Amino acid sequence: MPQLDTSTWFITVLSTTITLFMLMQLKISLHNFPQAPSIKLMELTKTNNPWESKWTKIYSPLSLPLQ
């Protein structure tokens, strides 16, 4: 039974890796990336909530008198 000749495997794997690397670099270099986003100034609008006009008091359990 003949043995598999593996003497050319190193150069084959190496050349394939280099070729794939070069193709990916070429593909990435030809890609048009968008420009950096610019800051959009937004005006803050005040919404009138019904609970803002009422006086409310929130009692913390720790501030209540001892029972």
C-alpha atoms as a PDB file:
ATOM      1  CA  MET A   1       0.000   0.000   0.000  1.00  0.00           C
ATOM      2  CA  PRO A   2       1.624   3.306  -1.089  1.00  0.00           C
ATOM      3  CA  GLN A   3       2.044   6.115   1.359  1.00  0.00           C
ATOM      4  CA  LEU A   4       0.560   9.550   0.820  1.00  0.00           C
ATOM      5  CA  ASP A   5       3.131  12.074  -0.383  1.00  0.00           C
ATOM      6  CA  THR A   6       2.844  15.068   1.975  1.00  0.00           C
ATOM      7  CA  SER A   7       5.933  16.936   0.800  1.00  0.00           C
ATOM      8  CA  THR A   8       3.918  19.589  -1.087  1.00  0.00           C
ATOM      9  CA  TRP A   9       1.313  20.205   1.600  1.00  0.00           C
ATOM     10  CA  PHE A  10       3.262  22.951   3.335  1.00  0.00           C
ATOM     11  CA  ILE A  11       3.671  25.106   0.224  1.00  0.00           C
ATOM     12  CA  THR A  12       0.051  24.468  -0.763  1.00  0.00           C
ATOM     13  CA  VAL A  13      -1.324  25.554   2.604  1.00  0.00           C
ATOM     14  CA  LEU A  14       1.039  28.516   2.754  1.00  0.00           C
ATOM     15  CA  SER A  15       0.194  29.774  -0.724  1.00  0.00           C
ATOM     16  CA  THR A  16      -3.542  29.311  -0.105  1.00  0.00           C
ATOM     17  CA  THR A  17      -3.328  31.279   3.128  1.00  0.00           C
ATOM     18  CA  ILE A  18      -1.397  34.112   1.499  1.00  0.00           C
ATOM     19  CA  THR A  19      -3.821  34.225  -1.430  1.00  0.00           C
ATOM     20  CA  LEU A  20      -6.863  34.356   0.834  1.00  0.00           C
ATOM     21  CA  PHE A  21      -5.225  37.068   2.921  1.00  0.00           C
ATOM     22  CA  MET A  22      -4.494  39.156  -0.162  1.00  0.00           C
ATOM     23  CA  LEU A  23      -8.010  38.709  -1.516  1.00  0.00           C
ATOM     24  CA  MET A  24      -9.562  39.761   1.782  1.00  0.00           C
ATOM     25  CA  GLN A  25      -7.277  42.816   1.975  1.00  0.00           C
ATOM     26  CA  LEU A  26      -8.254  43.787  -1.552  1.00  0.00           C
ATOM     27  CA  LYS A  27     -11.937  43.318  -0.817  1.00  0.00           C
ATOM     28  CA  ILE A  28     -11.732  45.419   2.359  1.00  0.00           C
ATOM     29  CA  SER A  29      -9.689  48.165   0.681  1.00  0.00           C
ATOM     30  CA  LEU A  30     -12.247  48.551  -2.127  1.00  0.00           C
ATOM     31  CA  HIS A  31     -15.161  48.802   0.315  1.00  0.00           C
ATOM     32  CA  ASN A  32     -16.593  52.277   0.805  1.00  0.00           C
ATOM     33  CA  PHE A  33     -17.042  52.864   4.491  1.00  0.00           C
ATOM     34  CA  PRO A  34     -19.468  55.589   5.648  1.00  0.00           C
ATOM     35  CA  GLN A  35     -18.111  58.785   7.107  1.00  0.00           C
ATOM     36  CA  ALA A  36     -18.124  59.390  10.830  1.00  0.00           C
ATOM     37  CA  PRO A  37     -21.603  60.352  12.019  1.00  0.00           C
ATOM     38  CA  SER A  38     -22.162  63.986  12.797  1.00  0.00           C
ATOM     39  CA  ILE A  39     -23.772  65.221  15.993  1.00  0.00           C
ATOM     40  CA  LYS A  40     -27.401  66.189  15.517  1.00  0.00           C
ATOM     41  CA  LEU A  41     -28.582  68.922  17.834  1.00  0.00           C
ATOM     42  CA  MET A  42     -32.015  68.170  19.182  1.00  0.00           C
ATOM     43  CA  GLU A  43     -34.210  70.659  20.957  1.00  0.00           C
ATOM     44  CA  LEU A  44     -35.538  69.484  24.285  1.00  0.00           C
ATOM     45  CA  THR A  45     -39.282  69.744  24.505  1.00  0.00           C
ATOM     46  CA  LYS A  46     -40.947  70.086  27.868  1.00  0.00           C
ATOM     47  CA  THR A  47     -43.953  67.840  28.278  1.00  0.00           C
ATOM     48  CA  ASN A  48     -46.609  68.728  30.788  1.00  0.00           C
ATOM     49  CA  ASN A  49     -47.396  65.717  32.881  1.00  0.00           C
ATOM     50  CA  PRO A  50     -50.487  65.794  35.078  1.00  0.00           C
ATOM     51  CA  TRP A  51     -48.579  64.712  38.165  1.00  0.00           C
ATOM     52  CA  GLU A  52     -46.098  67.591  37.929  1.00  0.00           C
ATOM     53  CA  SER A  53     -48.737  70.185  38.787  1.00  0.00           C
ATOM     54  CA  LYS A  54     -49.927  68.322  41.862  1.00  0.00           C
ATOM     55  CA  TRP A  55     -48.151  68.331  45.210  1.00  0.00           C
ATOM     56  CA  THR A  56     -47.129  64.857  46.170  1.00  0.00           C
ATOM     57  CA  LYS A  57     -45.063  63.594  49.024  1.00  0.00           C
ATOM     58  CA  ILE A  58     -43.381  60.237  48.975  1.00  0.00           C
ATOM     59  CA  TYR A  59     -42.786  58.687  52.348  1.00  0.00           C
ATOM     60  CA  SER A  60     -39.745  56.553  52.762  1.00  0.00           C
ATOM     61  CA  PRO A  61     -40.338  53.583  55.078  1.00  0.00           C
ATOM     62  CA  LEU A  62     -37.273  54.559  57.086  1.00  0.00           C
ATOM     63  CA  SER A  63     -38.565  58.101  57.711  1.00  0.00           C
ATOM     64  CA  LEU A  64     -41.951  57.019  59.075  1.00  0.00           C
ATOM     65  CA  PRO A  65     -42.430  57.181  62.853  1.00  0.00           C
ATOM     66  CA  LEU A  66     -41.893  53.992  64.786  1.00  0.00           C
ATOM     67  CA  GLN A  67     -45.014  52.049  65.566  1.00  0.00           C
END
